[in-house]
PDB file of N, CA and C in Angstrom:
ATOM      1  N   MET A   1     -37.080  15.570   9.027  1.00  0.00           N
ATOM      2  CA  MET A   1     -36.081  15.825   7.995  1.00  0.00           C
ATOM      3  C   MET A   1     -34.880  14.906   8.268  1.00  0.00           C
ATOM      4  N   ASN A   2     -34.464  14.164   7.243  1.00  0.00           N
ATOM      5  CA  ASN A   2     -33.326  13.271   7.434  1.00  0.00           C
ATOM      6  C   ASN A   2     -32.010  13.970   7.077  1.00  0.00           C
ATOM      7  N   PHE A   3     -30.920  13.286   7.363  1.00  0.00           N
ATOM      8  CA  PHE A   3     -29.584  13.854   7.175  1.00  0.00           C
ATOM      9  C   PHE A   3     -29.320  14.228   5.716  1.00  0.00           C
ATOM     10  N   ASP A   4     -29.733  13.381   4.769  1.00  0.00           N
ATOM     11  CA  ASP A   4     -29.516  13.679   3.350  1.00  0.00           C
ATOM     12  C   ASP A   4     -30.268  14.934   2.915  1.00  0.00           C
ATOM     13  N   SER A   5     -31.440  15.155   3.468  1.00  0.00           N
ATOM     14  CA  SER A   5     -32.200  16.373   3.154  1.00  0.00           C
ATOM     15  C   SER A   5     -31.456  17.610   3.631  1.00  0.00           C
ATOM     16  N   ILE A   6     -30.874  17.518   4.815  1.00  0.00           N
ATOM     17  CA  ILE A   6     -30.099  18.642   5.354  1.00  0.00           C
ATOM     18  C   ILE A   6     -28.895  18.913   4.459  1.00  0.00           C
ATOM     19  N   LEU A   7     -28.206  17.851   4.052  1.00  0.00           N
ATOM     20  CA  LEU A   7     -27.048  18.017   3.170  1.00  0.00           C
ATOM     21  C   LEU A   7     -27.447  18.709   1.868  1.00  0.00           C
ATOM     22  N   ARG A   8     -28.550  18.258   1.273  1.00  0.00           N
ATOM     23  CA  ARG A   8     -29.009  18.857   0.012  1.00  0.00           C
ATOM     24  C   ARG A   8     -29.327  20.343   0.185  1.00  0.00           C
ATOM     25  N   ARG A   9     -29.958  20.693   1.298  1.00  0.00           N
ATOM     26  CA  ARG A   9     -30.280  22.107   1.546  1.00  0.00           C
ATOM     27  C   ARG A   9     -29.016  22.954   1.663  1.00  0.00           C
ATOM     28  N   LEU A  10     -27.936  22.341   2.142  1.00  0.00           N
ATOM     29  CA  LEU A  10     -26.659  23.046   2.271  1.00  0.00           C
ATOM     30  C   LEU A  10     -25.836  22.987   0.987  1.00  0.00           C
ATOM     31  N   GLY A  11     -26.376  22.292  -0.015  1.00  0.00           N
ATOM     32  CA  GLY A  11     -25.657  22.174  -1.287  1.00  0.00           C
ATOM     33  C   GLY A  11     -24.557  21.130  -1.245  1.00  0.00           C
ATOM     34  N   LEU A  12     -24.658  20.187  -0.310  1.00  0.00           N
ATOM     35  CA  LEU A  12     -23.641  19.144  -0.162  1.00  0.00           C
ATOM     36  C   LEU A  12     -24.188  17.807  -0.634  1.00  0.00           C
ATOM     37  N   VAL A  13     -23.286  16.907  -0.923  1.00  0.00           N
ATOM     38  CA  VAL A  13     -23.671  15.572  -1.377  1.00  0.00           C
ATOM     39  C   VAL A  13     -22.709  14.559  -0.758  1.00  0.00           C
ATOM     40  N   ARG A  14     -23.217  13.386  -0.448  1.00  0.00           N
ATOM     41  CA  ARG A  14     -22.355  12.326   0.098  1.00  0.00           C
ATOM     42  C   ARG A  14     -21.420  11.812  -0.992  1.00  0.00           C
ATOM     43  N   HIS A  15     -20.225  11.429  -0.580  1.00  0.00           N
ATOM     44  CA  HIS A  15     -19.238  10.927  -1.543  1.00  0.00           C
ATOM     45  C   HIS A  15     -19.774   9.704  -2.280  1.00  0.00           C
ATOM     46  N   LYS A  16     -20.444   8.802  -1.587  1.00  0.00           N
ATOM     47  CA  LYS A  16     -20.974   7.592  -2.234  1.00  0.00           C
ATOM     48  C   LYS A  16     -22.009   7.943  -3.304  1.00  0.00           C
ATOM     49  N   ASP A  17     -22.789   8.990  -3.069  1.00  0.00           N
ATOM     50  CA  ASP A  17     -23.777   9.416  -4.064  1.00  0.00           C
ATOM     51  C   ASP A  17     -23.098  10.056  -5.271  1.00  0.00           C
ATOM     52  N   LEU A  18     -22.071  10.849  -5.013  1.00  0.00           N
ATOM     53  CA  LEU A  18     -21.291  11.453  -6.098  1.00  0.00           C
ATOM     54  C   LEU A  18     -20.647  10.366  -6.952  1.00  0.00           C
ATOM     55  N   THR A  19     -20.042   9.390  -6.289  1.00  0.00           N
ATOM     56  CA  THR A  19     -19.395   8.286  -6.998  1.00  0.00           C
ATOM     57  C   THR A  19     -20.400   7.519  -7.848  1.00  0.00           C
ATOM     58  N   ALA A  20     -21.568   7.249  -7.287  1.00  0.00           N
ATOM     59  CA  ALA A  20     -22.602   6.528  -8.041  1.00  0.00           C
ATOM     60  C   ALA A  20     -23.023   7.320  -9.278  1.00  0.00           C
ATOM     61  N   GLN A  21     -23.144   8.631  -9.147  1.00  0.00           N
ATOM     62  CA  GLN A  21     -23.525   9.462 -10.287  1.00  0.00           C
ATOM     63  C   GLN A  21     -22.428   9.496 -11.347  1.00  0.00           C
ATOM     64  N   LEU A  22     -21.174   9.639 -10.918  1.00  0.00           N
ATOM     65  CA  LEU A  22     -20.065   9.733 -11.873  1.00  0.00           C
ATOM     66  C   LEU A  22     -19.763   8.400 -12.551  1.00  0.00           C
ATOM     67  N   ASN A  23     -20.074   7.297 -11.888  1.00  0.00           N
ATOM     68  CA  ASN A  23     -19.816   5.983 -12.467  1.00  0.00           C
ATOM     69  C   ASN A  23     -21.010   5.453 -13.252  1.00  0.00           C
ATOM     70  N   PHE A  24     -21.893   6.326 -13.675  1.00  0.00           N
ATOM     71  CA  PHE A  24     -23.036   5.942 -14.492  1.00  0.00           C
ATOM     72  C   PHE A  24     -22.550   5.265 -15.773  1.00  0.00           C
ATOM     73  N   SER A  25     -23.145   4.143 -16.108  1.00  0.00           N
ATOM     74  CA  SER A  25     -22.834   3.431 -17.347  1.00  0.00           C
ATOM     75  C   SER A  25     -21.332   3.187 -17.491  1.00  0.00           C
ATOM     76  N   ARG A  26     -20.809   2.388 -16.640  1.00  0.00           N
ATOM     77  CA  ARG A  26     -19.389   2.037 -16.511  1.00  0.00           C
ATOM     78  C   ARG A  26     -18.731   3.019 -15.545  1.00  0.00           C
ATOM     79  N   SER A  27     -17.461   2.837 -15.317  1.00  0.00           N
ATOM     80  CA  SER A  27     -16.778   3.672 -14.332  1.00  0.00           C
ATOM     81  C   SER A  27     -16.056   4.846 -14.985  1.00  0.00           C
ATOM     82  N   VAL A  28     -15.677   5.808 -14.165  1.00  0.00           N
ATOM     83  CA  VAL A  28     -14.892   6.944 -14.641  1.00  0.00           C
ATOM     84  C   VAL A  28     -13.575   6.431 -15.226  1.00  0.00           C
ATOM     85  N   GLY A  29     -12.984   5.428 -14.572  1.00  0.00           N
ATOM     86  CA  GLY A  29     -11.735   4.850 -15.078  1.00  0.00           C
ATOM     87  C   GLY A  29     -11.903   4.244 -16.460  1.00  0.00           C
ATOM     88  N   LYS A  30     -13.019   3.574 -16.683  1.00  0.00           N
ATOM     89  CA  LYS A  30     -13.286   2.977 -17.995  1.00  0.00           C
ATOM     90  C   LYS A  30     -13.450   4.068 -19.053  1.00  0.00           C
ATOM     91  N   ARG A  31     -14.128   5.143 -18.703  1.00  0.00           N
ATOM     92  CA  ARG A  31     -14.307   6.252 -19.655  1.00  0.00           C
ATOM     93  C   ARG A  31     -12.970   6.905 -19.997  1.00  0.00           C
ATOM     94  N   LEU A  32     -12.106   7.065 -18.986  1.00  0.00           N
ATOM     95  CA  LEU A  32     -10.778   7.632 -19.227  1.00  0.00           C
ATOM     96  C   LEU A  32      -9.959   6.694 -20.108  1.00  0.00           C
ATOM     97  N   ASP A  33     -10.025   5.398 -19.833  1.00  0.00           N
ATOM     98  CA  ASP A  33      -9.291   4.423 -20.638  1.00  0.00           C
ATOM     99  C   ASP A  33      -9.771   4.440 -22.089  1.00  0.00           C
ATOM    100  N   GLU A  34     -11.085   4.479 -22.298  1.00  0.00           N
ATOM    101  CA  GLU A  34     -11.621   4.504 -23.666  1.00  0.00           C
ATOM    102  C   GLU A  34     -11.258   5.800 -24.387  1.00  0.00           C
ATOM    103  N   HIS A  35     -11.258   6.907 -23.660  1.00  0.00           N
ATOM    104  CA  HIS A  35     -10.837   8.188 -24.245  1.00  0.00           C
ATOM    105  C   HIS A  35      -9.394   8.068 -24.736  1.00  0.00           C
ATOM    106  N   ARG A  36      -8.536   7.495 -23.910  1.00  0.00           N
ATOM    107  CA  ARG A  36      -7.128   7.356 -24.282  1.00  0.00           C
ATOM    108  C   ARG A  36      -6.945   6.374 -25.435  1.00  0.00           C
ATOM    109  N   GLU A  37      -7.793   5.369 -25.500  1.00  0.00           N
ATOM    110  CA  GLU A  37      -7.736   4.431 -26.621  1.00  0.00           C
ATOM    111  C   GLU A  37      -8.053   5.150 -27.935  1.00  0.00           C
ATOM    112  N   VAL A  38      -9.059   6.009 -27.923  1.00  0.00           N
ATOM    113  CA  VAL A  38      -9.411   6.781 -29.122  1.00  0.00           C
ATOM    114  C   VAL A  38      -8.256   7.694 -29.518  1.00  0.00           C
ATOM    115  N   VAL A  39      -7.640   8.361 -28.538  1.00  0.00           N
ATOM    116  CA  VAL A  39      -6.508   9.248 -28.825  1.00  0.00           C
ATOM    117  C   VAL A  39      -5.355   8.453 -29.433  1.00  0.00           C
ATOM    118  N   GLU A  40      -5.065   7.269 -28.883  1.00  0.00           N
ATOM    119  CA  GLU A  40      -4.001   6.421 -29.443  1.00  0.00           C
ATOM    120  C   GLU A  40      -4.302   6.055 -30.890  1.00  0.00           C
ATOM    121  N   THR A  41      -5.545   5.697 -31.162  1.00  0.00           N
ATOM    122  CA  THR A  41      -5.940   5.328 -32.522  1.00  0.00           C
ATOM    123  C   THR A  41      -5.768   6.510 -33.470  1.00  0.00           C
ATOM    124  N   LEU A  42      -6.204   7.685 -33.046  1.00  0.00           N
ATOM    125  CA  LEU A  42      -6.047   8.880 -33.883  1.00  0.00           C
ATOM    126  C   LEU A  42      -4.576   9.215 -34.119  1.00  0.00           C
ATOM    127  N   SER A  43      -3.742   8.991 -33.118  1.00  0.00           N
ATOM    128  CA  SER A  43      -2.324   9.343 -33.259  1.00  0.00           C
ATOM    129  C   SER A  43      -1.580   8.385 -34.185  1.00  0.00           C
ATOM    130  N   GLN A  44      -2.169   7.231 -34.486  1.00  0.00           N
ATOM    131  CA  GLN A  44      -1.542   6.286 -35.419  1.00  0.00           C
ATOM    132  C   GLN A  44      -1.819   6.666 -36.872  1.00  0.00           C
ATOM    133  N   SER A  45      -2.654   7.650 -37.064  1.00  0.00           N
ATOM    134  CA  SER A  45      -2.951   8.139 -38.416  1.00  0.00           C
ATOM    135  C   SER A  45      -2.329   9.532 -38.563  1.00  0.00           C
ATOM    136  N   SER A  46      -2.671  10.207 -39.619  1.00  0.00           N
ATOM    137  CA  SER A  46      -2.163  11.569 -39.827  1.00  0.00           C
ATOM    138  C   SER A  46      -3.130  12.616 -39.264  1.00  0.00           C
ATOM    139  N   PHE A  47      -4.085  12.166 -38.455  1.00  0.00           N
ATOM    140  CA  PHE A  47      -5.119  13.072 -37.945  1.00  0.00           C
ATOM    141  C   PHE A  47      -4.525  14.295 -37.254  1.00  0.00           C
ATOM    142  N   PHE A  48      -3.603  14.094 -36.312  1.00  0.00           N
ATOM    143  CA  PHE A  48      -3.054  15.225 -35.559  1.00  0.00           C
ATOM    144  C   PHE A  48      -2.115  16.078 -36.408  1.00  0.00           C
ATOM    145  N   ASP A  49      -1.544  15.510 -37.462  1.00  0.00           N
ATOM    146  CA  ASP A  49      -0.735  16.313 -38.384  1.00  0.00           C
ATOM    147  C   ASP A  49      -1.624  17.305 -39.135  1.00  0.00           C
ATOM    148  N   GLU A  50      -2.808  16.844 -39.498  1.00  0.00           N
ATOM    149  CA  GLU A  50      -3.732  17.676 -40.268  1.00  0.00           C
ATOM    150  C   GLU A  50      -4.624  18.559 -39.388  1.00  0.00           C
ATOM    151  N   HIS A  51      -4.877  18.105 -38.183  1.00  0.00           N
ATOM    152  CA  HIS A  51      -5.775  18.817 -37.260  1.00  0.00           C
ATOM    153  C   HIS A  51      -5.090  18.940 -35.898  1.00  0.00           C
ATOM    154  N   TRP A  52      -3.954  19.582 -35.852  1.00  0.00           N
ATOM    155  CA  TRP A  52      -3.109  19.644 -34.661  1.00  0.00           C
ATOM    156  C   TRP A  52      -3.817  20.216 -33.436  1.00  0.00           C
ATOM    157  N   TRP A  53      -4.757  21.124 -33.613  1.00  0.00           N
ATOM    158  CA  TRP A  53      -5.422  21.789 -32.499  1.00  0.00           C
ATOM    159  C   TRP A  53      -6.263  20.835 -31.662  1.00  0.00           C
ATOM    160  N   HIS A  54      -6.675  19.719 -32.248  1.00  0.00           N
ATOM    161  CA  HIS A  54      -7.491  18.768 -31.491  1.00  0.00           C
ATOM    162  C   HIS A  54      -6.706  18.107 -30.365  1.00  0.00           C
ATOM    163  N   ALA A  55      -5.397  18.038 -30.489  1.00  0.00           N
ATOM    164  CA  ALA A  55      -4.587  17.455 -29.409  1.00  0.00           C
ATOM    165  C   ALA A  55      -4.780  18.257 -28.123  1.00  0.00           C
ATOM    166  N   GLY A  56      -4.852  19.566 -28.230  1.00  0.00           N
ATOM    167  CA  GLY A  56      -5.085  20.408 -27.053  1.00  0.00           C
ATOM    168  C   GLY A  56      -6.457  20.188 -26.446  1.00  0.00           C
ATOM    169  N   HIS A  57      -7.474  20.055 -27.299  1.00  0.00           N
ATOM    170  CA  HIS A  57      -8.830  19.801 -26.804  1.00  0.00           C
ATOM    171  C   HIS A  57      -8.893  18.451 -26.091  1.00  0.00           C
ATOM    172  N   LEU A  58      -8.273  17.449 -26.694  1.00  0.00           N
ATOM    173  CA  LEU A  58      -8.294  16.111 -26.105  1.00  0.00           C
ATOM    174  C   LEU A  58      -7.456  16.047 -24.834  1.00  0.00           C
ATOM    175  N   ALA A  59      -6.394  16.843 -24.755  1.00  0.00           N
ATOM    176  CA  ALA A  59      -5.587  16.905 -23.530  1.00  0.00           C
ATOM    177  C   ALA A  59      -6.412  17.497 -22.386  1.00  0.00           C
ATOM    178  N   THR A  60      -7.184  18.537 -22.682  1.00  0.00           N
ATOM    179  CA  THR A  60      -8.047  19.141 -21.667  1.00  0.00           C
ATOM    180  C   THR A  60      -9.112  18.149 -21.214  1.00  0.00           C
ATOM    181  N   GLN A  61      -9.668  17.393 -22.158  1.00  0.00           N
ATOM    182  CA  GLN A  61     -10.658  16.365 -21.818  1.00  0.00           C
ATOM    183  C   GLN A  61     -10.027  15.292 -20.932  1.00  0.00           C
ATOM    184  N   ASP A  62      -8.800  14.902 -21.236  1.00  0.00           N
ATOM    185  CA  ASP A  62      -8.092  13.909 -20.431  1.00  0.00           C
ATOM    186  C   ASP A  62      -7.875  14.445 -19.016  1.00  0.00           C
ATOM    187  N   ASP A  63      -7.462  15.705 -18.905  1.00  0.00           N
ATOM    188  CA  ASP A  63      -7.283  16.324 -17.584  1.00  0.00           C
ATOM    189  C   ASP A  63      -8.596  16.299 -16.801  1.00  0.00           C
ATOM    190  N   TYR A  64      -9.684  16.618 -17.468  1.00  0.00           N
ATOM    191  CA  TYR A  64     -11.002  16.635 -16.838  1.00  0.00           C
ATOM    192  C   TYR A  64     -11.371  15.241 -16.316  1.00  0.00           C
ATOM    193  N   LEU A  65     -11.161  14.232 -17.136  1.00  0.00           N
ATOM    194  CA  LEU A  65     -11.466  12.862 -16.721  1.00  0.00           C
ATOM    195  C   LEU A  65     -10.541  12.416 -15.591  1.00  0.00           C
ATOM    196  N   MET A  66      -9.290  12.877 -15.607  1.00  0.00           N
ATOM    197  CA  MET A  66      -8.375  12.562 -14.503  1.00  0.00           C
ATOM    198  C   MET A  66      -8.875  13.186 -13.199  1.00  0.00           C
ATOM    199  N   ARG A  67      -9.376  14.400 -13.273  1.00  0.00           N
ATOM    200  CA  ARG A  67      -9.911  15.058 -12.074  1.00  0.00           C
ATOM    201  C   ARG A  67     -11.120  14.285 -11.544  1.00  0.00           C
ATOM    202  N   LEU A  68     -12.012  13.854 -12.430  1.00  0.00           N
ATOM    203  CA  LEU A  68     -13.163  13.056 -11.994  1.00  0.00           C
ATOM    204  C   LEU A  68     -12.701  11.745 -11.360  1.00  0.00           C
ATOM    205  N   TYR A  69     -11.692  11.117 -11.959  1.00  0.00           N
ATOM    206  CA  TYR A  69     -11.147   9.877 -11.404  1.00  0.00           C
ATOM    207  C   TYR A  69     -10.642  10.129  -9.981  1.00  0.00           C
ATOM    208  N   PHE A  70      -9.922  11.227  -9.791  1.00  0.00           N
ATOM    209  CA  PHE A  70      -9.406  11.562  -8.468  1.00  0.00           C
ATOM    210  C   PHE A  70     -10.548  11.800  -7.481  1.00  0.00           C
ATOM    211  N   MET A  71     -11.607  12.463  -7.918  1.00  0.00           N
ATOM    212  CA  MET A  71     -12.750  12.726  -7.041  1.00  0.00           C
ATOM    213  C   MET A  71     -13.407  11.426  -6.584  1.00  0.00           C
ATOM    214  N   VAL A  72     -13.462  10.441  -7.461  1.00  0.00           N
ATOM    215  CA  VAL A  72     -14.096   9.162  -7.134  1.00  0.00           C
ATOM    216  C   VAL A  72     -13.180   8.285  -6.291  1.00  0.00           C
ATOM    217  N   HIS A  73     -11.900   8.185  -6.668  1.00  0.00           N
ATOM    218  CA  HIS A  73     -10.993   7.221  -6.041  1.00  0.00           C
ATOM    219  C   HIS A  73     -10.027   7.812  -5.021  1.00  0.00           C
ATOM    220  N   GLY A  74      -9.883   9.138  -4.998  1.00  0.00           N
ATOM    221  CA  GLY A  74      -8.962   9.752  -4.049  1.00  0.00           C
ATOM    222  C   GLY A  74      -7.502   9.576  -4.411  1.00  0.00           C
ATOM    223  N   LYS A  75      -7.235   9.170  -5.632  1.00  0.00           N
ATOM    224  CA  LYS A  75      -5.858   9.033  -6.122  1.00  0.00           C
ATOM    225  C   LYS A  75      -5.871   9.239  -7.627  1.00  0.00           C
ATOM    226  N   TRP A  76      -4.693   9.490  -8.170  1.00  0.00           N
ATOM    227  CA  TRP A  76      -4.571   9.757  -9.607  1.00  0.00           C
ATOM    228  C   TRP A  76      -4.439   8.466 -10.395  1.00  0.00           C
ATOM    229  N   PRO A  77      -4.925   8.446 -11.637  1.00  0.00           N
ATOM    230  CA  PRO A  77      -4.832   7.235 -12.468  1.00  0.00           C
ATOM    231  C   PRO A  77      -3.444   7.076 -13.084  1.00  0.00           C
ATOM    232  N   VAL A  78      -2.504   6.704 -12.250  1.00  0.00           N
ATOM    233  CA  VAL A  78      -1.142   6.449 -12.722  1.00  0.00           C
ATOM    234  C   VAL A  78      -0.817   4.991 -12.442  1.00  0.00           C
ATOM    235  N   ASP A  79       0.205   4.468 -13.100  1.00  0.00           N
ATOM    236  CA  ASP A  79       0.554   3.060 -12.950  1.00  0.00           C
ATOM    237  C   ASP A  79       0.823   2.692 -11.493  1.00  0.00           C
ATOM    238  N   ASP A  80       0.403   1.492 -11.116  1.00  0.00           N
ATOM    239  CA  ASP A  80       0.718   0.943  -9.799  1.00  0.00           C
ATOM    240  C   ASP A  80       1.956   0.075  -9.954  1.00  0.00           C
ATOM    241  N   PRO A  81       3.117   0.542  -9.491  1.00  0.00           N
ATOM    242  CA  PRO A  81       4.344  -0.235  -9.672  1.00  0.00           C
ATOM    243  C   PRO A  81       4.267  -1.621  -9.038  1.00  0.00           C
ATOM    244  N   ALA A  82       3.468  -1.779  -7.992  1.00  0.00           N
ATOM    245  CA  ALA A  82       3.365  -3.075  -7.317  1.00  0.00           C
ATOM    246  C   ALA A  82       2.747  -4.143  -8.217  1.00  0.00           C
ATOM    247  N   SER A  83       1.920  -3.729  -9.179  1.00  0.00           N
ATOM    248  CA  SER A  83       1.263  -4.711 -10.049  1.00  0.00           C
ATOM    249  C   SER A  83       2.223  -5.276 -11.085  1.00  0.00           C
ATOM    250  N   GLY A  84       3.258  -4.508 -11.409  1.00  0.00           N
ATOM    251  CA  GLY A  84       4.202  -4.958 -12.428  1.00  0.00           C
ATOM    252  C   GLY A  84       3.686  -4.792 -13.846  1.00  0.00           C
ATOM    253  N   HIS A  85       2.520  -4.203 -14.010  1.00  0.00           N
ATOM    254  CA  HIS A  85       1.928  -4.017 -15.335  1.00  0.00           C
ATOM    255  C   HIS A  85       1.550  -2.559 -15.520  1.00  0.00           C
ATOM    256  N   ARG A  86       1.834  -2.024 -16.680  1.00  0.00           N
ATOM    257  CA  ARG A  86       1.450  -0.640 -16.974  1.00  0.00           C
ATOM    258  C   ARG A  86      -0.063  -0.540 -17.094  1.00  0.00           C
ATOM    259  N   GLY A  87      -0.608   0.502 -16.505  1.00  0.00           N
ATOM    260  CA  GLY A  87      -2.031   0.775 -16.631  1.00  0.00           C
ATOM    261  C   GLY A  87      -2.886   0.267 -15.491  1.00  0.00           C
ATOM    262  N   PHE A  88      -2.413  -0.724 -14.742  1.00  0.00           N
ATOM    263  CA  PHE A  88      -3.241  -1.253 -13.660  1.00  0.00           C
ATOM    264  C   PHE A  88      -3.174  -0.347 -12.442  1.00  0.00           C
ATOM    265  N   GLN A  89      -4.340  -0.093 -11.858  1.00  0.00           N
ATOM    266  CA  GLN A  89      -4.462   0.769 -10.689  1.00  0.00           C
ATOM    267  C   GLN A  89      -4.566  -0.099  -9.442  1.00  0.00           C
ATOM    268  N   ARG A  90      -4.359   0.493  -8.295  1.00  0.00           N
ATOM    269  CA  ARG A  90      -4.452  -0.250  -7.026  1.00  0.00           C
ATOM    270  C   ARG A  90      -5.856  -0.813  -6.797  1.00  0.00           C
ATOM    271  N   ASN A  91      -6.862  -0.209  -7.401  1.00  0.00           N
ATOM    272  CA  ASN A  91      -8.230  -0.703  -7.236  1.00  0.00           C
ATOM    273  C   ASN A  91      -8.554  -1.837  -8.212  1.00  0.00           C
ATOM    274  N   GLY A  92      -7.557  -2.278  -8.997  1.00  0.00           N
ATOM    275  CA  GLY A  92      -7.751  -3.376  -9.935  1.00  0.00           C
ATOM    276  C   GLY A  92      -8.225  -2.953 -11.308  1.00  0.00           C
ATOM    277  N   GLU A  93      -8.543  -1.691 -11.454  1.00  0.00           N
ATOM    278  CA  GLU A  93      -9.031  -1.170 -12.723  1.00  0.00           C
ATOM    279  C   GLU A  93      -7.857  -0.937 -13.677  1.00  0.00           C
ATOM    280  N   TYR A  94      -8.120  -1.069 -14.968  1.00  0.00           N
ATOM    281  CA  TYR A  94      -7.091  -0.796 -15.968  1.00  0.00           C
ATOM    282  C   TYR A  94      -7.377   0.549 -16.622  1.00  0.00           C
ATOM    283  N   VAL A  95      -6.415   1.454 -16.529  1.00  0.00           N
ATOM    284  CA  VAL A  95      -6.475   2.740 -17.232  1.00  0.00           C
ATOM    285  C   VAL A  95      -5.138   2.891 -17.935  1.00  0.00           C
ATOM    286  N   ARG A  96      -5.182   2.825 -19.264  1.00  0.00           N
ATOM    287  CA  ARG A  96      -3.927   2.904 -20.024  1.00  0.00           C
ATOM    288  C   ARG A  96      -3.218   4.226 -19.748  1.00  0.00           C
ATOM    289  N   PRO A  97      -1.899   4.252 -19.900  1.00  0.00           N
ATOM    290  CA  PRO A  97      -1.137   5.490 -19.676  1.00  0.00           C
ATOM    291  C   PRO A  97      -1.574   6.603 -20.629  1.00  0.00           C
ATOM    292  N   ARG A  98      -1.339   7.821 -20.216  1.00  0.00           N
ATOM    293  CA  ARG A  98      -1.690   8.995 -21.022  1.00  0.00           C
ATOM    294  C   ARG A  98      -0.868   8.986 -22.309  1.00  0.00           C
ATOM    295  N   PRO A  99      -1.512   9.079 -23.470  1.00  0.00           N
ATOM    296  CA  PRO A  99      -0.782   9.090 -24.741  1.00  0.00           C
ATOM    297  C   PRO A  99       0.169  10.290 -24.829  1.00  0.00           C
ATOM    298  N   PRO A 100       1.370  10.078 -25.340  1.00  0.00           N
ATOM    299  CA  PRO A 100       2.361  11.166 -25.430  1.00  0.00           C
ATOM    300  C   PRO A 100       1.867  12.390 -26.193  1.00  0.00           C
ATOM    301  N   VAL A 101       0.997  12.201 -27.189  1.00  0.00           N
ATOM    302  CA  VAL A 101       0.517  13.330 -27.991  1.00  0.00           C
ATOM    303  C   VAL A 101      -0.224  14.362 -27.128  1.00  0.00           C
ATOM    304  N   LEU A 102      -0.716  13.940 -25.962  1.00  0.00           N
ATOM    305  CA  LEU A 102      -1.449  14.850 -25.084  1.00  0.00           C
ATOM    306  C   LEU A 102      -0.528  15.677 -24.193  1.00  0.00           C
ATOM    307  N   GLY A 103       0.724  15.300 -24.093  1.00  0.00           N
ATOM    308  CA  GLY A 103       1.643  16.015 -23.206  1.00  0.00           C
ATOM    309  C   GLY A 103       1.354  15.697 -21.745  1.00  0.00           C
ATOM    310  N   GLN A 104       1.963  16.447 -20.861  1.00  0.00           N
ATOM    311  CA  GLN A 104       1.776  16.249 -19.424  1.00  0.00           C
ATOM    312  C   GLN A 104       0.424  16.796 -18.969  1.00  0.00           C
ATOM    313  N   CYS A 105      -0.108  16.200 -17.915  1.00  0.00           N
ATOM    314  CA  CYS A 105      -1.334  16.703 -17.302  1.00  0.00           C
ATOM    315  C   CYS A 105      -1.074  18.123 -16.797  1.00  0.00           C
ATOM    316  N   ARG A 106      -2.026  19.017 -17.047  1.00  0.00           N
ATOM    317  CA  ARG A 106      -1.858  20.417 -16.666  1.00  0.00           C
ATOM    318  C   ARG A 106      -2.669  20.822 -15.439  1.00  0.00           C
ATOM    319  N   LEU A 107      -3.276  19.852 -14.768  1.00  0.00           N
ATOM    320  CA  LEU A 107      -4.040  20.189 -13.569  1.00  0.00           C
ATOM    321  C   LEU A 107      -3.089  20.639 -12.465  1.00  0.00           C
ATOM    322  N   PRO A 108      -3.340  21.793 -11.846  1.00  0.00           N
ATOM    323  CA  PRO A 108      -2.428  22.268 -10.803  1.00  0.00           C
ATOM    324  C   PRO A 108      -2.316  21.296  -9.635  1.00  0.00           C
ATOM    325  N   GLU A 109      -3.422  20.664  -9.248  1.00  0.00           N
ATOM    326  CA  GLU A 109      -3.376  19.740  -8.113  1.00  0.00           C
ATOM    327  C   GLU A 109      -2.602  18.466  -8.452  1.00  0.00           C
ATOM    328  N   PHE A 110      -2.599  18.073  -9.719  1.00  0.00           N
ATOM    329  CA  PHE A 110      -1.812  16.910 -10.136  1.00  0.00           C
ATOM    330  C   PHE A 110      -0.328  17.250 -10.089  1.00  0.00           C
ATOM    331  N   LYS A 111       0.026  18.446 -10.544  1.00  0.00           N
ATOM    332  CA  LYS A 111       1.430  18.873 -10.525  1.00  0.00           C
ATOM    333  C   LYS A 111       1.957  18.920  -9.095  1.00  0.00           C
ATOM    334  N   VAL A 112       1.149  19.397  -8.164  1.00  0.00           N
ATOM    335  CA  VAL A 112       1.554  19.462  -6.757  1.00  0.00           C
ATOM    336  C   VAL A 112       1.744  18.051  -6.207  1.00  0.00           C
ATOM    337  N   ALA A 113       0.817  17.145  -6.532  1.00  0.00           N
ATOM    338  CA  ALA A 113       0.915  15.762  -6.054  1.00  0.00           C
ATOM    339  C   ALA A 113       2.159  15.080  -6.612  1.00  0.00           C
ATOM    340  N   LYS A 114       2.440  15.278  -7.897  1.00  0.00           N
ATOM    341  CA  LYS A 114       3.625  14.664  -8.512  1.00  0.00           C
ATOM    342  C   LYS A 114       4.903  15.252  -7.924  1.00  0.00           C
ATOM    343  N   ALA A 115       4.913  16.553  -7.628  1.00  0.00           N
ATOM    344  CA  ALA A 115       6.090  17.187  -7.029  1.00  0.00           C
ATOM    345  C   ALA A 115       6.335  16.620  -5.633  1.00  0.00           C
ATOM    346  N   GLY A 116       5.262  16.342  -4.902  1.00  0.00           N
ATOM    347  CA  GLY A 116       5.384  15.756  -3.566  1.00  0.00           C
ATOM    348  C   GLY A 116       5.943  14.350  -3.590  1.00  0.00           C
ATOM    349  N   GLU A 117       5.659  13.592  -4.653  1.00  0.00           N
ATOM    350  CA  GLU A 117       6.170  12.225  -4.781  1.00  0.00           C
ATOM    351  C   GLU A 117       7.670  12.200  -5.010  1.00  0.00           C
ATOM    352  N   SER A 118       8.195  13.211  -5.680  1.00  0.00           N
ATOM    353  CA  SER A 118       9.609  13.197  -6.041  1.00  0.00           C
ATOM    354  C   SER A 118      10.507  13.650  -4.892  1.00  0.00           C
ATOM    355  N   ARG A 119       9.921  14.079  -3.803  1.00  0.00           N
ATOM    356  CA  ARG A 119      10.731  14.527  -2.655  1.00  0.00           C
ATOM    357  C   ARG A 119      11.222  13.374  -1.847  1.00  0.00           C
TER     358      ARG A 119
END
């Protein structure tokens, strides 16, 4: 029995295997960026005026994708000030900023991380 078999029996998975699964057909960052692009496009129309409840659904989806991004990269998809460009991450990936129509991220672990940065 090899180490991976033991991990599977315990219900565990290697981080590299998790990352490979989550980055299926492009990366988690790319999926988050494309999600935000769709939200930006919808917000340029009257869509959210007529269907306001979808903003909440899309905000929850954005939070979910942010959590997956954190699981893969170990950091949140926020701007890297060192790059001098909005949206660029330290790993070189581009993830556009969260559209204002979605409001602030509501993940408790994100709120704790952001509170720690401001200290």
